[in-house]
């Protein structure tokens, strides 16, 4: 009779450990809606191109892994984000593409603690 009890306890511990990151993330988001910050800036290089600077900041306590951001038709690989991280991406784009990026919705895809896939969409 002890064996089923031990198995049940182990099962609940494993489930609790696996669900902890998701539950903590779900609690943090409403408490801090700006847990994921985004700044997109452009600096004209010439008549046809812009230097695009994207800055992503993260203030949550659960690591976000495999972070990717879609802006207009481009996908930017951000990598992993941990509490307090600020990551920057700099690239050159056409002026038309930059103007489209300013109006286009954006999306972040990431994994919570490497376990749960999430997509967050927003409008610039």
PDB file of N, CA and C in Angstrom:
ATOM      1  N   UNK A   1       0.805  -1.202   0.000  1.00  0.00           N
ATOM      2  CA  UNK A   1       0.000   0.000   0.000  1.00  0.00           C
ATOM      3  C   UNK A   1       0.852   1.272   0.000  1.00  0.00           C
ATOM      4  N   UNK A   2       2.069   1.168   0.479  1.00  0.00           N
ATOM      5  CA  UNK A   2       2.916   2.358   0.516  1.00  0.00           C
ATOM      6  C   UNK A   2       3.338   2.781  -0.881  1.00  0.00           C
ATOM      7  N   UNK A   3       3.514   1.839  -1.760  1.00  0.00           N
ATOM      8  CA  UNK A   3       3.987   2.144  -3.103  1.00  0.00           C
ATOM      9  C   UNK A   3       3.043   3.076  -3.874  1.00  0.00           C
ATOM     10  N   UNK A   4       1.722   2.831  -3.900  1.00  0.00           N
ATOM     11  CA  UNK A   4       0.835   3.769  -4.595  1.00  0.00           C
ATOM     12  C   UNK A   4       0.843   5.159  -3.966  1.00  0.00           C
ATOM     13  N   UNK A   5       0.991   5.241  -2.654  1.00  0.00           N
ATOM     14  CA  UNK A   5       1.032   6.540  -1.978  1.00  0.00           C
ATOM     15  C   UNK A   5       2.284   7.304  -2.378  1.00  0.00           C
ATOM     16  N   UNK A   6       3.408   6.618  -2.395  1.00  0.00           N
ATOM     17  CA  UNK A   6       4.668   7.254  -2.792  1.00  0.00           C
ATOM     18  C   UNK A   6       4.590   7.694  -4.248  1.00  0.00           C
ATOM     19  N   UNK A   7       4.053   6.847  -5.106  1.00  0.00           N
ATOM     20  CA  UNK A   7       3.900   7.217  -6.516  1.00  0.00           C
ATOM     21  C   UNK A   7       3.001   8.433  -6.678  1.00  0.00           C
ATOM     22  N   UNK A   8       1.930   8.501  -5.923  1.00  0.00           N
ATOM     23  CA  UNK A   8       1.019   9.647  -5.998  1.00  0.00           C
ATOM     24  C   UNK A   8       1.723  10.925  -5.552  1.00  0.00           C
ATOM     25  N   UNK A   9       2.499  10.837  -4.483  1.00  0.00           N
ATOM     26  CA  UNK A   9       3.232  12.007  -3.993  1.00  0.00           C
ATOM     27  C   UNK A   9       4.255  12.459  -5.027  1.00  0.00           C
ATOM     28  N   UNK A  10       5.004  11.526  -5.581  1.00  0.00           N
ATOM     29  CA  UNK A  10       5.999  11.856  -6.610  1.00  0.00           C
ATOM     30  C   UNK A  10       5.310  12.475  -7.822  1.00  0.00           C
ATOM     31  N   UNK A  11       4.186  11.911  -8.231  1.00  0.00           N
ATOM     32  CA  UNK A  11       3.427  12.425  -9.371  1.00  0.00           C
ATOM     33  C   UNK A  11       3.022  13.886  -9.134  1.00  0.00           C
ATOM     34  N   UNK A  12       2.473  14.185  -7.970  1.00  0.00           N
ATOM     35  CA  UNK A  12       2.036  15.549  -7.672  1.00  0.00           C
ATOM     36  C   UNK A  12       3.211  16.517  -7.573  1.00  0.00           C
ATOM     37  N   UNK A  13       4.336  16.056  -7.065  1.00  0.00           N
ATOM     38  CA  UNK A  13       5.524  16.911  -7.003  1.00  0.00           C
ATOM     39  C   UNK A  13       6.017  17.232  -8.409  1.00  0.00           C
ATOM     40  N   UNK A  14       6.080  16.229  -9.264  1.00  0.00           N
ATOM     41  CA  UNK A  14       6.524  16.449 -10.648  1.00  0.00           C
ATOM     42  C   UNK A  14       5.584  17.417 -11.360  1.00  0.00           C
ATOM     43  N   UNK A  15       4.283  17.218 -11.209  1.00  0.00           N
ATOM     44  CA  UNK A  15       3.307  18.117 -11.837  1.00  0.00           C
ATOM     45  C   UNK A  15       3.471  19.538 -11.306  1.00  0.00           C
ATOM     46  N   UNK A  16       3.655  19.682 -10.005  1.00  0.00           N
ATOM     47  CA  UNK A  16       3.827  21.012  -9.404  1.00  0.00           C
ATOM     48  C   UNK A  16       5.075  21.702  -9.944  1.00  0.00           C
ATOM     49  N   UNK A  17       6.174  20.955 -10.055  1.00  0.00           N
ATOM     50  CA  UNK A  17       7.420  21.522 -10.579  1.00  0.00           C
ATOM     51  C   UNK A  17       7.245  21.954 -12.035  1.00  0.00           C
ATOM     52  N   UNK A  18       6.544  21.157 -12.825  1.00  0.00           N
ATOM     53  CA  UNK A  18       6.332  21.495 -14.236  1.00  0.00           C
ATOM     54  C   UNK A  18       5.376  22.676 -14.413  1.00  0.00           C
ATOM     55  N   UNK A  19       4.393  22.797 -13.549  1.00  0.00           N
ATOM     56  CA  UNK A  19       3.409  23.877 -13.674  1.00  0.00           C
ATOM     57  C   UNK A  19       3.859  25.186 -13.028  1.00  0.00           C
ATOM     58  N   UNK A  20       4.826  25.128 -12.122  1.00  0.00           N
ATOM     59  CA  UNK A  20       5.261  26.319 -11.399  1.00  0.00           C
ATOM     60  C   UNK A  20       5.632  27.487 -12.324  1.00  0.00           C
ATOM     61  N   UNK A  21       6.480  27.296 -13.350  1.00  0.00           N
ATOM     62  CA  UNK A  21       6.821  28.437 -14.208  1.00  0.00           C
ATOM     63  C   UNK A  21       5.600  29.051 -14.893  1.00  0.00           C
ATOM     64  N   UNK A  22       4.704  28.223 -15.364  1.00  0.00           N
ATOM     65  CA  UNK A  22       3.507  28.722 -16.045  1.00  0.00           C
ATOM     66  C   UNK A  22       2.612  29.493 -15.077  1.00  0.00           C
ATOM     67  N   UNK A  23       2.418  28.966 -13.887  1.00  0.00           N
ATOM     68  CA  UNK A  23       1.577  29.643 -12.894  1.00  0.00           C
ATOM     69  C   UNK A  23       2.183  30.971 -12.454  1.00  0.00           C
ATOM     70  N   UNK A  24       3.481  30.987 -12.202  1.00  0.00           N
ATOM     71  CA  UNK A  24       4.139  32.227 -11.789  1.00  0.00           C
ATOM     72  C   UNK A  24       4.068  33.265 -12.900  1.00  0.00           C
ATOM     73  N   UNK A  25       4.291  32.842 -14.135  1.00  0.00           N
ATOM     74  CA  UNK A  25       4.193  33.748 -15.278  1.00  0.00           C
ATOM     75  C   UNK A  25       2.779  34.322 -15.368  1.00  0.00           C
ATOM     76  N   UNK A  26       1.771  33.469 -15.206  1.00  0.00           N
ATOM     77  CA  UNK A  26       0.371  33.907 -15.283  1.00  0.00           C
ATOM     78  C   UNK A  26       0.023  34.881 -14.156  1.00  0.00           C
ATOM     79  N   UNK A  27       0.677  34.773 -13.030  1.00  0.00           N
ATOM     80  CA  UNK A  27       0.448  35.705 -11.920  1.00  0.00           C
ATOM     81  C   UNK A  27       1.169  37.026 -12.171  1.00  0.00           C
ATOM     82  N   UNK A  28       2.394  36.973 -12.710  1.00  0.00           N
ATOM     83  CA  UNK A  28       3.196  38.176 -12.917  1.00  0.00           C
ATOM     84  C   UNK A  28       2.645  39.089 -14.004  1.00  0.00           C
ATOM     85  N   UNK A  29       2.128  38.529 -15.068  1.00  0.00           N
ATOM     86  CA  UNK A  29       1.684  39.345 -16.209  1.00  0.00           C
ATOM     87  C   UNK A  29       0.619  40.362 -15.803  1.00  0.00           C
ATOM     88  N   UNK A  30      -0.454  39.983 -15.102  1.00  0.00           N
ATOM     89  CA  UNK A  30      -1.435  41.001 -14.712  1.00  0.00           C
ATOM     90  C   UNK A  30      -0.885  42.022 -13.707  1.00  0.00           C
ATOM     91  N   UNK A  31       0.069  41.608 -12.886  1.00  0.00           N
ATOM     92  CA  UNK A  31       0.651  42.519 -11.906  1.00  0.00           C
ATOM     93  C   UNK A  31       1.590  43.523 -12.559  1.00  0.00           C
ATOM     94  N   UNK A  32       2.192  43.153 -13.681  1.00  0.00           N
ATOM     95  CA  UNK A  32       3.145  44.014 -14.375  1.00  0.00           C
ATOM     96  C   UNK A  32       2.914  43.898 -15.878  1.00  0.00           C
ATOM     97  N   UNK A  33       1.902  44.590 -16.407  1.00  0.00           N
ATOM     98  CA  UNK A  33       1.586  44.465 -17.834  1.00  0.00           C
ATOM     99  C   UNK A  33       2.733  44.883 -18.760  1.00  0.00           C
ATOM    100  N   UNK A  34       3.660  45.683 -18.263  1.00  0.00           N
ATOM    101  CA  UNK A  34       4.781  46.102 -19.109  1.00  0.00           C
ATOM    102  C   UNK A  34       6.020  45.241 -18.858  1.00  0.00           C
ATOM    103  N   UNK A  35       5.806  43.969 -18.515  1.00  0.00           N
ATOM    104  CA  UNK A  35       6.929  43.063 -18.249  1.00  0.00           C
ATOM    105  C   UNK A  35       7.827  42.893 -19.468  1.00  0.00           C
ATOM    106  N   UNK A  36       7.274  43.128 -20.645  1.00  0.00           N
ATOM    107  CA  UNK A  36       8.020  43.008 -21.895  1.00  0.00           C
ATOM    108  C   UNK A  36       7.971  44.358 -22.592  1.00  0.00           C
ATOM    109  N   UNK A  37       9.120  45.033 -22.659  1.00  0.00           N
ATOM    110  CA  UNK A  37       9.175  46.364 -23.269  1.00  0.00           C
ATOM    111  C   UNK A  37       9.731  46.306 -24.679  1.00  0.00           C
ATOM    112  N   UNK A  38       9.253  47.204 -25.515  1.00  0.00           N
ATOM    113  CA  UNK A  38       9.697  47.252 -26.910  1.00  0.00           C
ATOM    114  C   UNK A  38       9.846  48.694 -27.346  1.00  0.00           C
ATOM    115  N   UNK A  39      11.009  49.020 -27.910  1.00  0.00           N
ATOM    116  CA  UNK A  39      11.240  50.327 -28.520  1.00  0.00           C
ATOM    117  C   UNK A  39      11.785  50.091 -29.921  1.00  0.00           C
ATOM    118  N   UNK A  40      11.194  50.778 -30.885  1.00  0.00           N
ATOM    119  CA  UNK A  40      11.645  50.692 -32.272  1.00  0.00           C
ATOM    120  C   UNK A  40      11.963  52.106 -32.728  1.00  0.00           C
ATOM    121  N   UNK A  41      13.203  52.323 -33.132  1.00  0.00           N
ATOM    122  CA  UNK A  41      13.639  53.652 -33.566  1.00  0.00           C
ATOM    123  C   UNK A  41      14.343  53.534 -34.910  1.00  0.00           C
ATOM    124  N   UNK A  42      14.272  54.590 -35.675  1.00  0.00           N
ATOM    125  CA  UNK A  42      14.952  54.609 -36.960  1.00  0.00           C
ATOM    126  C   UNK A  42      15.739  55.887 -37.140  1.00  0.00           C
ATOM    127  N   UNK A  43      16.868  55.761 -37.805  1.00  0.00           N
ATOM    128  CA  UNK A  43      17.720  56.911 -38.099  1.00  0.00           C
ATOM    129  C   UNK A  43      18.037  56.869 -39.590  1.00  0.00           C
ATOM    130  N   UNK A  44      17.661  57.928 -40.296  1.00  0.00           N
ATOM    131  CA  UNK A  44      17.873  57.965 -41.749  1.00  0.00           C
ATOM    132  C   UNK A  44      19.368  57.907 -42.058  1.00  0.00           C
ATOM    133  N   UNK A  45      19.723  56.993 -42.951  1.00  0.00           N
ATOM    134  CA  UNK A  45      21.116  56.890 -43.393  1.00  0.00           C
ATOM    135  C   UNK A  45      21.326  57.668 -44.681  1.00  0.00           C
ATOM    136  N   UNK A  46      20.329  57.574 -45.555  1.00  0.00           N
ATOM    137  CA  UNK A  46      20.354  58.287 -46.829  1.00  0.00           C
ATOM    138  C   UNK A  46      18.913  58.389 -47.325  1.00  0.00           C
ATOM    139  N   UNK A  47      18.724  58.637 -48.604  1.00  0.00           N
ATOM    140  CA  UNK A  47      17.368  58.818 -49.142  1.00  0.00           C
ATOM    141  C   UNK A  47      16.583  57.514 -49.228  1.00  0.00           C
ATOM    142  N   UNK A  48      17.261  56.380 -49.148  1.00  0.00           N
ATOM    143  CA  UNK A  48      16.563  55.107 -49.364  1.00  0.00           C
ATOM    144  C   UNK A  48      16.593  54.147 -48.180  1.00  0.00           C
ATOM    145  N   UNK A  49      17.480  54.376 -47.214  1.00  0.00           N
ATOM    146  CA  UNK A  49      17.634  53.407 -46.128  1.00  0.00           C
ATOM    147  C   UNK A  49      17.639  54.057 -44.739  1.00  0.00           C
ATOM    148  N   UNK A  50      17.236  53.245 -43.765  1.00  0.00           N
ATOM    149  CA  UNK A  50      17.143  53.670 -42.365  1.00  0.00           C
ATOM    150  C   UNK A  50      17.904  52.667 -41.503  1.00  0.00           C
ATOM    151  N   UNK A  51      18.606  53.180 -40.502  1.00  0.00           N
ATOM    152  CA  UNK A  51      19.222  52.309 -39.504  1.00  0.00           C
ATOM    153  C   UNK A  51      18.146  52.020 -38.459  1.00  0.00           C
ATOM    154  N   UNK A  52      17.715  50.776 -38.380  1.00  0.00           N
ATOM    155  CA  UNK A  52      16.645  50.357 -37.477  1.00  0.00           C
ATOM    156  C   UNK A  52      17.250  49.842 -36.181  1.00  0.00           C
ATOM    157  N   UNK A  53      16.770  50.387 -35.052  1.00  0.00           N
ATOM    158  CA  UNK A  53      17.218  49.928 -33.735  1.00  0.00           C
ATOM    159  C   UNK A  53      16.002  49.416 -32.972  1.00  0.00           C
ATOM    160  N   UNK A  54      16.083  48.164 -32.563  1.00  0.00           N
ATOM    161  CA  UNK A  54      15.017  47.542 -31.779  1.00  0.00           C
ATOM    162  C   UNK A  54      15.597  47.190 -30.418  1.00  0.00           C
ATOM    163  N   UNK A  55      14.893  47.614 -29.366  1.00  0.00           N
ATOM    164  CA  UNK A  55      15.336  47.304 -28.010  1.00  0.00           C
ATOM    165  C   UNK A  55      14.205  46.576 -27.287  1.00  0.00           C
ATOM    166  N   UNK A  56      14.524  45.413 -26.748  1.00  0.00           N
ATOM    167  CA  UNK A  56      13.550  44.599 -26.022  1.00  0.00           C
ATOM    168  C   UNK A  56      14.039  44.466 -24.583  1.00  0.00           C
ATOM    169  N   UNK A  57      13.148  44.771 -23.638  1.00  0.00           N
ATOM    170  CA  UNK A  57      13.500  44.624 -22.222  1.00  0.00           C
ATOM    171  C   UNK A  57      12.522  43.660 -21.558  1.00  0.00           C
ATOM    172  N   UNK A  58      13.004  42.999 -20.508  1.00  0.00           N
ATOM    173  CA  UNK A  58      12.183  41.999 -19.827  1.00  0.00           C
ATOM    174  C   UNK A  58      12.353  42.146 -18.324  1.00  0.00           C
ATOM    175  N   UNK A  59      11.236  42.210 -17.601  1.00  0.00           N
ATOM    176  CA  UNK A  59      11.310  42.373 -16.149  1.00  0.00           C
ATOM    177  C   UNK A  59      10.618  41.245 -15.380  1.00  0.00           C
ATOM    178  N   UNK A  60      10.268  40.169 -16.059  1.00  0.00           N
ATOM    179  CA  UNK A  60       9.655  39.028 -15.371  1.00  0.00           C
ATOM    180  C   UNK A  60      10.710  38.178 -14.686  1.00  0.00           C
ATOM    181  N   UNK A  61      10.281  37.300 -13.798  1.00  0.00           N
ATOM    182  CA  UNK A  61      11.243  36.475 -13.067  1.00  0.00           C
ATOM    183  C   UNK A  61      11.447  35.094 -13.694  1.00  0.00           C
ATOM    184  N   UNK A  62      10.541  34.668 -14.552  1.00  0.00           N
ATOM    185  CA  UNK A  62      10.659  33.365 -15.213  1.00  0.00           C
ATOM    186  C   UNK A  62      11.369  33.563 -16.550  1.00  0.00           C
ATOM    187  N   UNK A  63      12.442  32.837 -16.836  1.00  0.00           N
ATOM    188  CA  UNK A  63      13.150  33.010 -18.104  1.00  0.00           C
ATOM    189  C   UNK A  63      12.254  32.748 -19.315  1.00  0.00           C
ATOM    190  N   UNK A  64      12.439  33.573 -20.334  1.00  0.00           N
ATOM    191  CA  UNK A  64      11.781  33.359 -21.621  1.00  0.00           C
ATOM    192  C   UNK A  64      12.864  32.886 -22.586  1.00  0.00           C
ATOM    193  N   UNK A  65      12.638  31.750 -23.228  1.00  0.00           N
ATOM    194  CA  UNK A  65      13.642  31.203 -24.136  1.00  0.00           C
ATOM    195  C   UNK A  65      13.130  31.243 -25.567  1.00  0.00           C
ATOM    196  N   UNK A  66      14.057  31.166 -26.503  1.00  0.00           N
ATOM    197  CA  UNK A  66      13.740  31.124 -27.934  1.00  0.00           C
ATOM    198  C   UNK A  66      12.830  32.282 -28.349  1.00  0.00           C
ATOM    199  N   UNK A  67      13.135  33.480 -27.866  1.00  0.00           N
ATOM    200  CA  UNK A  67      12.284  34.639 -28.150  1.00  0.00           C
ATOM    201  C   UNK A  67      12.511  35.105 -29.586  1.00  0.00           C
ATOM    202  N   UNK A  68      11.408  35.257 -30.301  1.00  0.00           N
ATOM    203  CA  UNK A  68      11.437  35.779 -31.666  1.00  0.00           C
ATOM    204  C   UNK A  68      10.387  36.873 -31.764  1.00  0.00           C
ATOM    205  N   UNK A  69      10.700  37.927 -32.508  1.00  0.00           N
ATOM    206  CA  UNK A  69       9.754  39.009 -32.699  1.00  0.00           C
ATOM    207  C   UNK A  69       9.473  39.175 -34.183  1.00  0.00           C
ATOM    208  N   UNK A  70       8.198  39.249 -34.528  1.00  0.00           N
ATOM    209  CA  UNK A  70       7.808  39.513 -35.912  1.00  0.00           C
ATOM    210  C   UNK A  70       7.315  40.944 -35.980  1.00  0.00           C
ATOM    211  N   UNK A  71       7.904  41.705 -36.873  1.00  0.00           N
ATOM    212  CA  UNK A  71       7.533  43.097 -37.083  1.00  0.00           C
ATOM    213  C   UNK A  71       7.391  43.290 -38.578  1.00  0.00           C
ATOM    214  N   UNK A  72       6.176  43.612 -39.017  1.00  0.00           N
ATOM    215  CA  UNK A  72       5.844  43.648 -40.445  1.00  0.00           C
ATOM    216  C   UNK A  72       6.139  42.258 -41.009  1.00  0.00           C
ATOM    217  N   UNK A  73       6.993  42.166 -41.999  1.00  0.00           N
ATOM    218  CA  UNK A  73       7.292  40.856 -42.599  1.00  0.00           C
ATOM    219  C   UNK A  73       8.622  40.279 -42.127  1.00  0.00           C
ATOM    220  N   UNK A  74       9.277  40.957 -41.199  1.00  0.00           N
ATOM    221  CA  UNK A  74      10.581  40.501 -40.709  1.00  0.00           C
ATOM    222  C   UNK A  74      10.451  39.750 -39.395  1.00  0.00           C
ATOM    223  N   UNK A  75      11.302  38.748 -39.219  1.00  0.00           N
ATOM    224  CA  UNK A  75      11.375  38.019 -37.949  1.00  0.00           C
ATOM    225  C   UNK A  75      12.775  38.237 -37.370  1.00  0.00           C
ATOM    226  N   UNK A  76      12.816  38.701 -36.129  1.00  0.00           N
ATOM    227  CA  UNK A  76      14.076  38.977 -35.448  1.00  0.00           C
ATOM    228  C   UNK A  76      14.255  37.967 -34.321  1.00  0.00           C
ATOM    229  N   UNK A  77      15.425  37.347 -34.274  1.00  0.00           N
ATOM    230  CA  UNK A  77      15.735  36.363 -33.229  1.00  0.00           C
ATOM    231  C   UNK A  77      16.338  37.105 -32.036  1.00  0.00           C
ATOM    232  N   UNK A  78      15.610  37.143 -30.937  1.00  0.00           N
ATOM    233  CA  UNK A  78      16.053  37.863 -29.743  1.00  0.00           C
ATOM    234  C   UNK A  78      16.913  36.972 -28.850  1.00  0.00           C
ATOM    235  N   UNK A  79      16.643  35.683 -28.850  1.00  0.00           N
ATOM    236  CA  UNK A  79      17.373  34.758 -27.978  1.00  0.00           C
ATOM    237  C   UNK A  79      16.630  34.546 -26.673  1.00  0.00           C
ATOM    238  N   UNK A  80      17.360  34.345 -25.592  1.00  0.00           N
ATOM    239  CA  UNK A  80      16.756  34.114 -24.280  1.00  0.00           C
ATOM    240  C   UNK A  80      16.735  35.417 -23.485  1.00  0.00           C
ATOM    241  N   UNK A  81      15.684  35.599 -22.696  1.00  0.00           N
ATOM    242  CA  UNK A  81      15.564  36.779 -21.839  1.00  0.00           C
ATOM    243  C   UNK A  81      15.384  36.343 -20.390  1.00  0.00           C
ATOM    244  N   UNK A  82      16.155  36.977 -19.517  1.00  0.00           N
ATOM    245  CA  UNK A  82      16.050  36.734 -18.079  1.00  0.00           C
ATOM    246  C   UNK A  82      15.712  38.060 -17.403  1.00  0.00           C
ATOM    247  N   UNK A  83      15.355  38.012 -16.148  1.00  0.00           N
ATOM    248  CA  UNK A  83      14.964  39.212 -15.403  1.00  0.00           C
ATOM    249  C   UNK A  83      15.996  40.323 -15.567  1.00  0.00           C
ATOM    250  N   UNK A  84      15.537  41.501 -15.967  1.00  0.00           N
ATOM    251  CA  UNK A  84      16.404  42.660 -16.109  1.00  0.00           C
ATOM    252  C   UNK A  84      17.149  42.756 -17.427  1.00  0.00           C
ATOM    253  N   UNK A  85      16.992  41.790 -18.308  1.00  0.00           N
ATOM    254  CA  UNK A  85      17.699  41.817 -19.593  1.00  0.00           C
ATOM    255  C   UNK A  85      17.168  42.912 -20.510  1.00  0.00           C
ATOM    256  N   UNK A  86      18.089  43.506 -21.255  1.00  0.00           N
ATOM    257  CA  UNK A  86      17.758  44.428 -22.337  1.00  0.00           C
ATOM    258  C   UNK A  86      18.591  43.983 -23.529  1.00  0.00           C
ATOM    259  N   UNK A  87      17.923  43.656 -24.628  1.00  0.00           N
ATOM    260  CA  UNK A  87      18.638  43.214 -25.827  1.00  0.00           C
ATOM    261  C   UNK A  87      18.344  44.183 -26.959  1.00  0.00           C
ATOM    262  N   UNK A  88      19.373  44.457 -27.755  1.00  0.00           N
ATOM    263  CA  UNK A  88      19.236  45.383 -28.872  1.00  0.00           C
ATOM    264  C   UNK A  88      19.574  44.696 -30.179  1.00  0.00           C
ATOM    265  N   UNK A  89      18.854  45.091 -31.206  1.00  0.00           N
ATOM    266  CA  UNK A  89      19.117  44.615 -32.560  1.00  0.00           C
ATOM    267  C   UNK A  89      19.231  45.847 -33.440  1.00  0.00           C
ATOM    268  N   UNK A  90      20.250  45.879 -34.270  1.00  0.00           N
ATOM    269  CA  UNK A  90      20.436  46.983 -35.201  1.00  0.00           C
ATOM    270  C   UNK A  90      20.583  46.397 -36.597  1.00  0.00           C
ATOM    271  N   UNK A  91      19.830  46.960 -37.535  1.00  0.00           N
ATOM    272  CA  UNK A  91      19.898  46.495 -38.916  1.00  0.00           C
ATOM    273  C   UNK A  91      19.527  47.643 -39.849  1.00  0.00           C
ATOM    274  N   UNK A  92      19.827  47.495 -41.098  1.00  0.00           N
ATOM    275  CA  UNK A  92      19.492  48.510 -42.099  1.00  0.00           C
ATOM    276  C   UNK A  92      18.308  48.014 -42.915  1.00  0.00           C
ATOM    277  N   UNK A  93      17.303  48.890 -43.062  1.00  0.00           N
ATOM    278  CA  UNK A  93      16.108  48.549 -43.843  1.00  0.00           C
ATOM    279  C   UNK A  93      15.790  49.687 -44.806  1.00  0.00           C
ATOM    280  N   UNK A  94      14.993  49.369 -45.813  1.00  0.00           N
ATOM    281  CA  UNK A  94      14.521  50.400 -46.741  1.00  0.00           C
ATOM    282  C   UNK A  94      13.549  51.330 -46.015  1.00  0.00           C
ATOM    283  N   UNK A  95      13.470  52.563 -46.441  1.00  0.00           N
ATOM    284  CA  UNK A  95      12.570  53.529 -45.811  1.00  0.00           C
ATOM    285  C   UNK A  95      11.131  53.044 -45.874  1.00  0.00           C
ATOM    286  N   UNK A  96      10.724  52.464 -46.990  1.00  0.00           N
ATOM    287  CA  UNK A  96       9.350  51.967 -47.130  1.00  0.00           C
ATOM    288  C   UNK A  96       9.068  50.864 -46.100  1.00  0.00           C
ATOM    289  N   UNK A  97      10.038  49.993 -45.909  1.00  0.00           N
ATOM    290  CA  UNK A  97       9.874  48.908 -44.943  1.00  0.00           C
ATOM    291  C   UNK A  97       9.791  49.462 -43.516  1.00  0.00           C
ATOM    292  N   UNK A  98      10.609  50.470 -43.222  1.00  0.00           N
ATOM    293  CA  UNK A  98      10.570  51.095 -41.899  1.00  0.00           C
ATOM    294  C   UNK A  98       9.215  51.748 -41.647  1.00  0.00           C
ATOM    295  N   UNK A  99       8.694  52.462 -42.642  1.00  0.00           N
ATOM    296  CA  UNK A  99       7.381  53.095 -42.491  1.00  0.00           C
ATOM    297  C   UNK A  99       6.295  52.051 -42.241  1.00  0.00           C
ATOM    298  N   UNK A 100       6.389  50.924 -42.926  1.00  0.00           N
ATOM    299  CA  UNK A 100       5.430  49.839 -42.712  1.00  0.00           C
ATOM    300  C   UNK A 100       5.559  49.280 -41.296  1.00  0.00           C
ATOM    301  N   UNK A 101       6.789  49.151 -40.808  1.00  0.00           N
ATOM    302  CA  UNK A 101       7.017  48.619 -39.460  1.00  0.00           C
ATOM    303  C   UNK A 101       6.393  49.509 -38.390  1.00  0.00           C
ATOM    304  N   UNK A 102       6.376  50.812 -38.619  1.00  0.00           N
ATOM    305  CA  UNK A 102       5.813  51.733 -37.634  1.00  0.00           C
ATOM    306  C   UNK A 102       4.306  51.560 -37.489  1.00  0.00           C
ATOM    307  N   UNK A 103       3.644  51.102 -38.540  1.00  0.00           N
ATOM    308  CA  UNK A 103       2.189  50.933 -38.515  1.00  0.00           C
ATOM    309  C   UNK A 103       1.763  49.491 -38.269  1.00  0.00           C
ATOM    310  N   UNK A 104       2.660  48.564 -38.496  1.00  0.00           N
ATOM    311  CA  UNK A 104       2.305  47.140 -38.482  1.00  0.00           C
ATOM    312  C   UNK A 104       2.165  46.604 -37.060  1.00  0.00           C
ATOM    313  N   UNK A 105       1.291  45.626 -36.879  1.00  0.00           N
ATOM    314  CA  UNK A 105       1.251  44.925 -35.589  1.00  0.00           C
ATOM    315  C   UNK A 105       2.540  44.116 -35.410  1.00  0.00           C
ATOM    316  N   UNK A 106       2.832  43.778 -34.174  1.00  0.00           N
ATOM    317  CA  UNK A 106       4.014  42.964 -33.899  1.00  0.00           C
ATOM    318  C   UNK A 106       3.591  41.740 -33.101  1.00  0.00           C
ATOM    319  N   UNK A 107       4.468  40.762 -33.064  1.00  0.00           N
ATOM    320  CA  UNK A 107       4.186  39.546 -32.298  1.00  0.00           C
ATOM    321  C   UNK A 107       5.487  39.026 -31.696  1.00  0.00           C
ATOM    322  N   UNK A 108       5.399  38.567 -30.461  1.00  0.00           N
ATOM    323  CA  UNK A 108       6.508  37.887 -29.804  1.00  0.00           C
ATOM    324  C   UNK A 108       6.128  36.424 -29.652  1.00  0.00           C
ATOM    325  N   UNK A 109       7.043  35.546 -30.018  1.00  0.00           N
ATOM    326  CA  UNK A 109       6.874  34.118 -29.751  1.00  0.00           C
ATOM    327  C   UNK A 109       8.020  33.711 -28.837  1.00  0.00           C
ATOM    328  N   UNK A 110       7.687  32.953 -27.804  1.00  0.00           N
ATOM    329  CA  UNK A 110       8.717  32.520 -26.857  1.00  0.00           C
ATOM    330  C   UNK A 110       8.230  31.304 -26.095  1.00  0.00           C
ATOM    331  N   UNK A 111       9.143  30.760 -25.299  1.00  0.00           N
ATOM    332  CA  UNK A 111       8.808  29.620 -24.439  1.00  0.00           C
ATOM    333  C   UNK A 111       9.034  30.052 -22.992  1.00  0.00           C
ATOM    334  N   UNK A 112       8.065  29.759 -22.144  1.00  0.00           N
ATOM    335  CA  UNK A 112       8.194  30.060 -20.722  1.00  0.00           C
ATOM    336  C   UNK A 112       9.062  28.973 -20.098  1.00  0.00           C
ATOM    337  N   UNK A 113      10.223  29.391 -19.596  1.00  0.00           N
ATOM    338  CA  UNK A 113      11.186  28.472 -18.971  1.00  0.00           C
ATOM    339  C   UNK A 113      11.525  27.299 -19.887  1.00  0.00           C
ATOM    340  N   UNK A 114      11.450  27.514 -21.181  1.00  0.00           N
ATOM    341  CA  UNK A 114      11.760  26.462 -22.142  1.00  0.00           C
ATOM    342  C   UNK A 114      10.699  25.385 -22.254  1.00  0.00           C
ATOM    343  N   UNK A 115       9.553  25.568 -21.597  1.00  0.00           N
ATOM    344  CA  UNK A 115       8.536  24.517 -21.544  1.00  0.00           C
ATOM    345  C   UNK A 115       7.275  24.823 -22.344  1.00  0.00           C
ATOM    346  N   UNK A 116       6.728  26.019 -22.185  1.00  0.00           N
ATOM    347  CA  UNK A 116       5.409  26.334 -22.734  1.00  0.00           C
ATOM    348  C   UNK A 116       5.516  27.400 -23.815  1.00  0.00           C
ATOM    349  N   UNK A 117       5.028  27.109 -25.011  1.00  0.00           N
ATOM    350  CA  UNK A 117       5.055  28.067 -26.116  1.00  0.00           C
ATOM    351  C   UNK A 117       3.952  29.100 -25.943  1.00  0.00           C
ATOM    352  N   UNK A 118       4.331  30.370 -26.145  1.00  0.00           N
ATOM    353  CA  UNK A 118       3.393  31.482 -25.992  1.00  0.00           C
ATOM    354  C   UNK A 118       3.605  32.450 -27.144  1.00  0.00           C
ATOM    355  N   UNK A 119       2.525  33.101 -27.574  1.00  0.00           N
ATOM    356  CA  UNK A 119       2.619  34.171 -28.561  1.00  0.00           C
ATOM    357  C   UNK A 119       1.845  35.366 -28.028  1.00  0.00           C
ATOM    358  N   UNK A 120       2.502  36.533 -28.035  1.00  0.00           N
ATOM    359  CA  UNK A 120       1.892  37.781 -27.585  1.00  0.00           C
ATOM    360  C   UNK A 120       1.855  38.710 -28.784  1.00  0.00           C
ATOM    361  N   UNK A 121       0.673  39.248 -29.086  1.00  0.00           N
ATOM    362  CA  UNK A 121       0.530  40.160 -30.223  1.00  0.00           C
ATOM    363  C   UNK A 121       0.169  41.545 -29.716  1.00  0.00           C
ATOM    364  N   UNK A 122       0.622  42.544 -30.454  1.00  0.00           N
ATOM    365  CA  UNK A 122       0.312  43.922 -30.093  1.00  0.00           C
ATOM    366  C   UNK A 122       0.305  44.804 -31.320  1.00  0.00           C
ATOM    367  N   UNK A 123      -0.079  46.050 -31.100  1.00  0.00           N
ATOM    368  CA  UNK A 123      -0.121  47.031 -32.173  1.00  0.00           C
ATOM    369  C   UNK A 123       0.784  48.175 -31.766  1.00  0.00           C
ATOM    370  N   UNK A 124       1.615  48.624 -32.739  1.00  0.00           N
ATOM    371  CA  UNK A 124       2.551  49.703 -32.483  1.00  0.00           C
ATOM    372  C   UNK A 124       1.859  50.908 -32.012  1.00  0.00           C
TER     373      UNK A 124
END
